[in-house]
Structures are given as C-alpha cells and as structure tokens.
Protein backbone atom coordinates (compact mmCIF):
# COMPACT_ATOMS: atom_id res chain seq x y z
CA MET A 1 41.20 -16.04 102.81
CA SER A 2 40.38 -15.57 98.96
CA GLN A 3 42.75 -13.99 96.73
CA GLN A 4 40.05 -11.21 96.20
CA ARG A 5 39.53 -10.17 99.99
CA ARG A 6 43.42 -10.60 100.31
CA LEU A 7 43.83 -7.79 97.65
CA VAL A 8 41.27 -5.81 98.96
CA LEU A 9 43.03 -5.97 102.47
CA ALA A 10 46.86 -4.91 100.90
CA ALA A 11 44.79 -1.90 99.29
CA ALA A 12 43.19 -0.79 102.14
CA GLY A 13 46.40 -0.96 103.76
CA VAL A 14 48.63 1.39 101.58
CA ILE A 15 45.57 3.86 101.62
CA LEU A 16 46.10 3.73 105.70
CA MET A 17 49.67 4.06 105.14
CA GLY A 18 48.99 7.30 102.95
CA LEU A 19 46.52 8.74 105.46
CA LEU A 20 48.88 8.63 108.37
CA ALA A 21 52.04 9.66 106.03
CA VAL A 22 50.01 12.66 105.33
CA ILE A 23 48.72 13.26 109.04
CA PHE A 24 52.45 13.10 110.40
CA GLY A 25 53.75 14.85 107.61
CA GLU A 26 51.57 17.73 107.87
CA GLN A 27 52.57 17.81 111.60
CA GLY A 28 56.38 18.09 111.28
CA LYS A 29 56.21 20.49 108.53
CA PRO A 30 56.25 24.29 109.65
CA GLU A 31 53.90 26.44 109.92
CA THR A 32 54.46 29.15 107.00
CA ALA A 33 53.11 32.46 107.36
CA ALA A 34 49.97 33.01 104.99
CA GLY A 35 51.55 36.48 104.15
CA ALA A 36 54.65 35.12 103.51
CA SER A 37 54.54 37.13 100.16
CA THR A 38 54.43 40.75 102.05
CA PRO A 39 57.02 42.47 104.35
CA TRP A 40 56.95 41.38 108.02
CA LEU A 41 56.58 45.20 109.44
CA ALA A 42 53.51 46.39 106.69
CA GLY A 43 54.59 49.80 105.82
CA LEU A 44 57.65 50.43 107.18
CA LYS A 45 59.59 50.67 103.74
CA ALA A 46 56.72 52.83 102.54
CA ASP A 47 57.86 55.28 105.38
CA LEU A 48 61.47 55.34 105.72
CA GLY A 49 61.73 58.93 104.35
CA THR A 50 59.40 59.88 107.53
CA ILE A 51 61.27 57.87 110.60
CA THR A 52 62.58 60.55 113.01
CA ARG A 53 63.82 58.03 116.06
CA LEU A 54 64.93 54.85 117.19
CA ARG A 55 65.20 53.85 120.59
CA PHE A 56 67.29 50.41 121.14
CA SER A 57 67.07 48.70 124.82
CA GLN A 58 68.43 45.90 126.43
CA GLY A 59 68.81 45.12 130.20
CA LYS A 60 70.44 48.65 131.29
CA SER A 61 71.51 49.81 127.52
CA VAL A 62 69.95 51.83 125.87
CA SER A 63 70.76 53.96 122.59
CA THR A 64 68.41 56.36 121.24
CA LEU A 65 69.14 58.11 117.44
CA VAL A 66 67.34 60.94 116.30
CA ARG A 67 67.26 62.36 112.94
CA GLN A 68 68.96 66.20 112.77
CA GLY A 69 67.52 67.74 109.67
CA GLU A 70 69.67 65.38 106.97
CA ASN A 71 71.87 64.14 109.67
CA TRP A 72 71.46 61.46 112.68
CA GLY A 73 72.92 61.98 116.03
CA VAL A 74 73.14 59.17 119.33
CA SER A 75 71.51 61.16 122.02
CA GLU A 76 73.75 59.32 124.75
CA ARG A 77 76.75 61.20 123.06
CA GLY A 78 75.90 64.88 122.93
CA GLY A 79 74.25 64.38 119.42
CA TYR A 80 77.77 63.00 117.91
CA GLY A 81 76.89 61.76 114.30
CA VAL A 82 75.55 58.09 113.52
CA ASP A 83 77.23 55.44 111.45
CA ARG A 84 74.64 55.60 108.52
CA GLU A 85 76.01 52.59 106.98
CA ARG A 86 75.20 50.33 110.02
CA LEU A 87 71.61 52.49 110.59
CA GLY A 88 70.86 51.88 106.56
CA ASP A 89 71.85 48.56 106.54
CA LEU A 90 69.08 47.80 109.99
CA LEU A 91 66.56 49.75 108.64
CA LYS A 92 66.58 48.26 104.90
CA GLU A 93 66.87 44.59 106.57
CA LEU A 94 63.90 45.27 108.93
CA ALA A 95 62.15 47.17 105.62
CA ALA A 96 62.24 43.94 103.69
CA ALA A 97 62.27 41.09 106.32
CA ARG A 98 59.40 38.64 105.38
CA ALA A 99 57.85 36.45 108.02
CA VAL A 100 58.40 32.51 106.65
CA GLU A 101 58.16 30.39 109.49
CA GLN A 102 55.69 30.67 112.64
CA LYS A 103 57.63 29.84 116.07
CA THR A 104 56.27 29.45 119.63
CA ALA A 105 53.93 31.49 121.19
CA LYS A 106 54.94 30.16 124.69
CA PRO A 107 56.70 32.94 126.73
CA GLU A 108 59.06 29.99 128.80
CA PHE A 109 60.60 28.58 125.00
CA PHE A 110 61.38 32.92 124.45
CA ALA A 111 64.50 32.62 125.28
CA ARG A 112 65.80 29.65 123.12
CA LEU A 113 64.85 32.25 120.54
CA GLY A 114 66.57 34.98 122.02
CA LEU A 115 63.37 37.04 122.01
CA GLU A 116 62.55 37.49 126.08
CA ASP A 117 61.51 40.84 127.01
CA ALA A 118 64.72 43.19 126.55
CA GLY A 119 64.48 44.47 129.78
CA LYS A 120 65.23 41.73 131.87
CA GLU A 121 68.62 40.64 133.14
CA GLY A 122 70.63 39.01 130.88
CA SER A 123 68.23 38.66 127.94
CA ALA A 124 69.41 38.32 124.25
CA ALA A 125 67.02 40.61 122.75
CA VAL A 126 67.21 43.75 121.61
CA LEU A 127 64.19 45.78 121.82
CA VAL A 128 63.68 48.37 118.78
CA GLU A 129 61.20 51.56 118.63
CA ILE A 130 60.74 53.44 115.32
CA TRP A 131 59.02 56.94 115.63
CA ARG A 132 57.67 58.77 112.61
CA ASP A 133 56.59 61.96 113.33
CA ALA A 134 54.06 61.26 116.21
CA ASP A 135 54.54 60.87 119.89
CA ALA A 136 54.51 56.93 120.06
CA PRO A 137 56.24 54.75 118.36
CA ALA A 138 55.32 53.33 114.98
CA TRP A 139 56.77 50.12 115.43
CA ARG A 140 58.06 48.22 118.62
CA VAL A 141 60.14 44.84 117.75
CA LEU A 142 62.63 42.43 119.23
CA ILE A 143 65.43 41.22 117.64
CA GLY A 144 66.39 38.08 118.85
CA ASN A 145 68.81 35.07 117.63
CA ALA A 146 70.15 34.26 114.34
CA ALA A 147 68.81 31.17 112.64
CA GLU A 148 71.85 28.46 113.01
CA GLY A 149 72.49 27.05 109.33
CA ARG A 150 69.48 28.24 107.52
CA GLY A 151 69.78 32.13 107.30
CA GLY A 152 67.36 34.66 108.90
CA ARG A 153 66.80 35.91 112.26
CA TYR A 154 64.18 35.49 115.21
CA VAL A 155 62.12 38.15 115.52
CA ARG A 156 58.62 39.34 117.37
CA LEU A 157 56.23 42.20 118.15
CA ALA A 158 56.84 43.37 121.23
CA ASP A 159 52.96 43.32 122.28
CA SER A 160 52.82 39.88 120.97
CA ASN A 161 53.47 36.45 122.06
CA ASP A 162 53.86 35.68 118.23
CA THR A 163 57.42 34.53 117.22
CA TRP A 164 58.48 33.94 113.80
CA LEU A 165 61.41 33.44 111.43
CA VAL A 166 62.22 36.09 108.86
CA ASP A 167 64.29 35.69 105.61
CA ARG A 168 66.38 38.62 106.94
CA SER A 169 69.06 39.34 109.49
CA PRO A 170 68.54 42.62 110.72
CA GLN A 171 70.94 43.87 113.72
CA ALA A 172 70.35 45.76 116.48
CA PHE A 173 72.87 47.18 118.86
CA ALA A 174 72.01 48.79 122.18
CA GLU A 175 75.06 50.42 123.59
CA PRO A 176 75.88 53.77 122.19
CA THR A 177 79.34 53.16 121.13
CA ASP A 178 77.92 50.47 118.55
CA TRP A 179 76.30 53.30 117.09
CA ILE A 180 78.38 55.91 116.38
CA ASP A 181 80.82 57.23 113.27
CA ARG A 182 84.04 55.85 114.69
CA ARG A 183 86.23 57.09 111.73
CA VAL A 184 88.04 60.07 112.82
CA LEU A 185 90.08 61.44 110.16
CA ASN A 186 90.12 58.77 107.42
CA LEU A 187 93.04 60.37 105.46
CA GLU A 188 95.83 58.85 103.20
CA PHE A 189 99.83 58.80 104.77
CA ASP A 190 100.87 59.64 100.71
CA GLY A 191 100.19 63.32 101.57
CA VAL A 192 102.24 63.67 104.81
CA GLU A 193 105.16 65.87 104.54
CA ARG A 194 105.88 66.24 108.49
CA VAL A 195 105.19 65.27 112.06
CA THR A 196 106.24 67.55 114.67
CA ARG A 197 105.94 66.22 118.34
CA THR A 198 106.20 67.60 122.03
CA VAL A 199 105.87 65.53 124.98
CA ALA A 200 106.42 66.34 128.72
CA ASP A 201 109.82 65.38 129.16
CA GLY A 202 111.31 67.04 125.84
CA SER A 203 112.40 64.44 123.83
CA GLY A 204 110.11 65.14 120.98
CA PHE A 205 111.25 65.27 117.36
CA GLU A 206 110.53 66.17 113.86
CA ALA A 207 110.15 63.58 111.50
CA ALA A 208 109.96 64.90 107.31
CA ARG A 209 110.41 63.96 103.85
CA SER A 210 111.54 66.75 101.18
CA ALA A 211 109.08 65.17 98.62
CA LYS A 212 106.07 62.76 98.32
CA ASP A 213 107.98 60.36 96.17
CA GLN A 214 110.60 60.31 99.66
CA PRO A 215 109.43 56.70 100.91
CA SER A 216 109.99 57.53 104.47
CA LEU A 217 109.57 60.73 107.19
CA THR A 218 113.00 61.19 108.84
CA VAL A 219 114.84 63.03 111.26
CA ALA A 220 117.52 65.20 110.20
CA SER A 221 119.77 64.78 113.69
CA LEU A 222 119.50 62.07 115.79
CA PRO A 223 121.27 61.90 119.25
CA LYS A 224 124.57 60.62 118.73
CA GLY A 225 125.18 56.93 118.45
CA SER A 226 121.55 56.29 117.65
CA LYS A 227 119.65 55.25 114.75
CA PRO A 228 116.13 54.42 113.72
CA ARG A 229 115.03 50.93 114.73
CA TYR A 230 113.77 50.66 111.11
CA ASP A 231 113.22 52.48 108.14
CA SER A 232 109.45 53.47 108.05
CA VAL A 233 109.52 53.81 112.45
CA PHE A 234 108.58 57.42 112.03
CA ASP A 235 105.79 56.89 109.65
CA ALA A 236 103.62 55.19 112.30
CA ALA A 237 103.92 58.51 114.45
CA ALA A 238 101.08 60.03 111.36
CA ARG A 239 100.30 56.78 109.90
CA ALA A 240 98.45 55.46 113.08
CA VAL A 241 96.25 58.03 113.64
CA LEU A 242 95.37 59.02 110.06
CA THR A 243 93.28 55.89 110.34
CA ALA A 244 92.11 55.48 113.79
CA GLU A 245 88.99 54.33 114.75
CA ALA A 246 87.08 56.20 118.07
CA GLU A 247 86.36 53.86 120.57
CA ASP A 248 84.04 56.37 122.39
CA VAL A 249 83.28 60.22 122.07
CA ARG A 250 82.56 62.78 124.30
CA LYS A 251 82.41 66.50 124.70
CA ALA A 252 86.28 68.12 124.59
CA ASP A 253 86.84 68.98 128.31
CA ALA A 254 89.22 71.84 128.07
CA ALA A 255 90.82 70.77 131.56
CA LEU A 256 91.32 66.91 130.36
CA PHE A 257 94.06 68.73 127.54
CA SER A 258 95.51 70.97 129.86
CA GLY A 259 97.66 69.18 131.90
CA SER A 260 101.52 68.21 131.81
CA ALA A 261 101.24 64.73 130.42
CA LEU A 262 99.69 65.97 127.51
CA ALA A 263 101.32 65.08 123.86
CA ARG A 264 101.23 67.89 121.13
CA ASN A 265 101.39 66.63 117.30
CA ARG A 266 101.39 68.37 114.33
CA ILE A 267 101.31 66.71 110.85
CA ARG A 268 101.46 68.98 107.95
CA PHE A 269 100.39 67.86 104.45
CA PHE A 270 102.37 68.88 101.04
CA ASP A 271 99.39 70.82 100.06
CA GLY A 272 99.35 72.71 103.54
CA LEU A 273 96.77 71.25 105.30
CA LEU A 274 97.72 71.03 108.88
CA LEU A 275 96.53 68.89 111.68
CA ASP A 276 97.16 69.33 115.41
CA ILE A 277 96.38 66.26 117.54
CA ASP A 278 96.82 66.63 121.62
CA ALA A 279 96.62 62.93 122.96
CA VAL A 280 96.16 62.17 127.02
CA LYS A 281 95.96 59.06 129.03
CA ALA A 282 93.42 59.65 131.75
CA ALA A 283 91.51 57.56 134.30
CA ASP A 284 89.08 56.41 131.91
CA GLY A 285 91.32 55.44 128.77
CA ASN A 286 93.34 57.55 125.94
CA TRP A 287 91.40 60.72 124.53
CA ILE A 288 92.34 62.87 121.51
CA ARG A 289 91.27 66.13 120.24
CA VAL A 290 92.07 67.36 116.48
CA THR A 291 91.82 70.74 115.23
CA ALA A 292 92.42 71.30 111.16
CA THR A 293 93.55 74.67 109.64
CA VAL A 294 95.65 75.30 106.37
CA ASP A 295 99.64 76.52 106.41
CA THR A 296 100.10 79.12 103.58
CA THR A 297 103.92 78.53 103.73
CA PRO A 298 104.45 75.82 100.97
CA ALA A 299 105.99 72.57 101.69
CA ALA A 300 109.67 71.88 100.40
CA ASP A 301 108.31 70.04 97.06
CA ILE A 302 105.77 72.80 96.28
CA ALA A 303 108.94 75.51 96.89
CA ASN A 304 111.59 73.75 95.08
CA ALA A 305 108.97 73.75 92.33
CA GLY A 306 108.87 77.67 92.36
CA GLN A 307 104.86 77.61 93.42
CA ALA A 308 103.35 80.36 94.92
CA ALA A 309 102.38 79.85 98.46
CA VAL A 310 98.71 80.00 98.78
CA PRO A 311 97.08 76.73 99.34
CA ALA A 312 94.88 75.48 96.43
CA PRO A 313 91.12 75.65 97.71
CA GLY A 314 91.48 71.60 98.19
CA PRO A 315 92.87 71.93 101.97
CA ALA A 316 90.87 74.67 103.10
CA ALA A 317 87.82 72.96 101.97
CA GLN A 318 88.93 69.57 103.57
CA ALA A 319 90.38 71.12 106.75
CA SER A 320 86.54 72.62 107.10
CA ALA A 321 85.07 69.48 106.69
CA ILE A 322 87.57 67.85 109.13
CA ASN A 323 86.34 70.43 111.39
CA ALA A 324 82.77 70.03 111.09
CA ARG A 325 82.83 66.50 112.19
CA VAL A 326 85.85 66.94 115.00
CA GLU A 327 85.57 70.06 116.47
CA GLY A 328 84.75 70.23 120.22
CA TRP A 329 84.93 66.47 120.03
CA ALA A 330 87.15 63.90 122.49
CA PHE A 331 87.75 60.78 120.96
CA LYS A 332 88.63 57.64 122.94
CA VAL A 333 91.75 55.83 121.29
CA SER A 334 93.28 52.74 121.60
CA ASP A 335 96.76 52.46 123.69
CA TYR A 336 98.14 51.42 120.41
CA ILE A 337 96.99 54.53 119.04
CA TYR A 338 97.93 56.65 122.20
CA GLY A 339 101.23 55.16 121.93
CA GLU A 340 102.09 56.64 118.72
CA LEU A 341 101.05 60.05 119.28
CA ALA A 342 102.64 60.01 122.62
CA LYS A 343 106.73 58.11 122.43
CA PRO A 344 109.10 60.31 122.98
CA LEU A 345 112.26 59.91 120.62
CA THR A 346 113.77 57.26 122.33
CA GLU A 347 111.45 54.72 121.55
CA TYR A 348 111.77 55.19 118.00
CA THR A 349 115.74 54.67 118.28
CA GLU A 350 118.32 52.21 119.23
CA ALA A 351 121.58 52.30 120.05
CA GLU A 352 124.33 52.02 116.71
CA GLN A 353 126.40 49.66 118.21
CA ALA A 354 123.54 47.15 118.34
CA GLU A 355 123.48 45.47 115.06
CA ALA A 356 127.51 45.48 115.01
CA ASN A 357 127.58 43.46 118.75
CA LYS A 358 125.10 41.06 117.53
CA ALA A 359 127.15 40.54 114.17
CA ASP A 360 130.17 39.74 116.69
CA ASP A 361 128.34 37.94 118.96
CA THR A 362 127.56 35.15 115.70
CA THR A 363 130.82 35.82 114.10
CA PRO A 364 132.94 31.88 114.46
C-alpha cells in the first residue's frame, strides 16, 4: 500500500471518529428547553398580585389558602392566618423557575422524579392549583423531587406528560398544619415581671422579680425544707410559652377549657401587659388559649420610681395586636410547653437536704 493511500485512509478514519463522537455526544447530551431564558410558568410573575386562592393536594391531604383582603387564611383551619414567609417563598420560586432540562415523557418513569399523579396513594408529587379572579385555576402544576447533587426540582404541568428540571426548588405542602402561622406570641422574656399559676391540686405559685435587672423569677415563700431546683428554674414558666410554636390550631371550644384539669397562668410584664393563658390536656393533644389585657397597677420597679399608674400606649397597642391574632383560637402545643404551663410548685423544687446528703455521701 502506497504512502499516499495510507494517509488518505488515516484521514478518513479521523473524520469517521469525529462524526461518531458528534453523533453519540449529541445523544448523550440532555435536551435543553428552547425557552430556558424565560420563566417556566409564563405570566405568573406579572400576575402575583392578582392571585386569590391556592390549593395543594397530595393523596388525601388538601390545603386551601384563600386571600382575605391583604391577609391569607387556611380554609381547612377556619381561615386562620397563613405563614406569609413560606407562601411568599413558594410563589417567588415558582415565578422565577426556568426549565433547563427536559426529562422523560413516559408515565411509567414519573415516579422516579416524584411526578406521579398527586391523587395516587404514595405519590411524592404535590398538585398546586393557582387561581386569579376566575372560576378555574390559571395554573395547575405538579411539584416533584429535588434533583440530587445538582440543584433544582422536577416539575410538570398537570395536563401534560412533559417533565422538566427547573433551576429553582419550590416546596409545596398538602397538610394544612404546614401552612398555618405557627407563632403564638413571639415575645421576649426580658419584660416579664411575674407569673401566677393556678392548678387543680392547689399547688400553684407566684414567681416574680422586683426589677428588670434581677436575673430570674423567684418564689417569695417556699414550703419549709424545699428550695428551687436551680436558680432560674421558674423562668421556664414564662419563657416556654412566650416563644412557643403551635403544632395545630382550631376554633376555641369553651367546653374544652372548662374542666377541673385546667391550668391557669397569668404573665405580667413590667409595662402592664397581661397575658392570661389556659392550658389543658385533651385526647387529641395539649391545647392553650390566650387573652391579652393591660393592667393599670404599676409593677414594682415603676412604682418605686414614682411613676403614674397609667400604662403607656405601647402595651395597649400590643395587647390589641395579640388579641387580633389569637382571640377565639385554641393552639395545640408540645408536651414540653404544656408541662411548663401546668407543673405544680413541687416540680420546680427539691428538698434542701438533698445537696447536704450528697456532700456527706462523697466525704472520704
């Protein structure tokens, strides 16, 4: 074979290998959306201000968020307020999401992406329906699994078999408790002057401090032979509920809070704000209700400073804001929160001899 022929064959081989690389390389490349520079849900961003309702469904779970003027409520919880931050995050992610890679269009593979029909038992998908001022939803989308190791999330339109990876990761929830605003009070302990507790067995107590610079609440007169378990033990009687998050919410039932097992708490702040908190353990969990008022009697540090016994506008406005959110509602709380609202005095104290006996036992 001549040298010239060998060169021709070698060149042909290089060209063939290049063509094969192009062919197989193109087959291996993910298909990218032609409109990847535009939002996946066209028009959503411009219409965010016109949205009036959203519904989330997965299996038997359904949550409906309805706009009420400037506020949002969870229909399945009597219209109680929505976690606005969570809702805002979802809408922001959906409005900004761009389709970057097309995935399977075969229904038998939808489960791998978490995009089976949301009504199917065990489906990981959440169906999100978004209404504007119309009877039918403007958008119906399925939110699937997060893409592992690369960011983004798998999605598809409810009436389409086309599945996509989008560059954002919107998170949708079908349980109503995932949408309620879980904050009950969200108040600081620094302003607490006194906690008064009444429990069924009569072993309630009053723990107080005379000024804000006193570090902890104390009980003036403890039963003979007992002492606090530790210096700040009574602080939890107020701290726990002030920062509590509700596990669920429902309309307050007067019958629920009328039993003999009811624990009553009054938390007084130095500025006159009063919180009356009732706590009860029921068959379906621990429930509390809250009422805010203002006490015109000055707290100890205000009285000692010679100030008038008239509350400043601050606590009155604060009480009004608290009642606007909590009045008429019962909040489900954890065992820990309930315990700190229902404990008798004996659970905050121990025998004075306990430490002395311990020291005797360890003396060589």
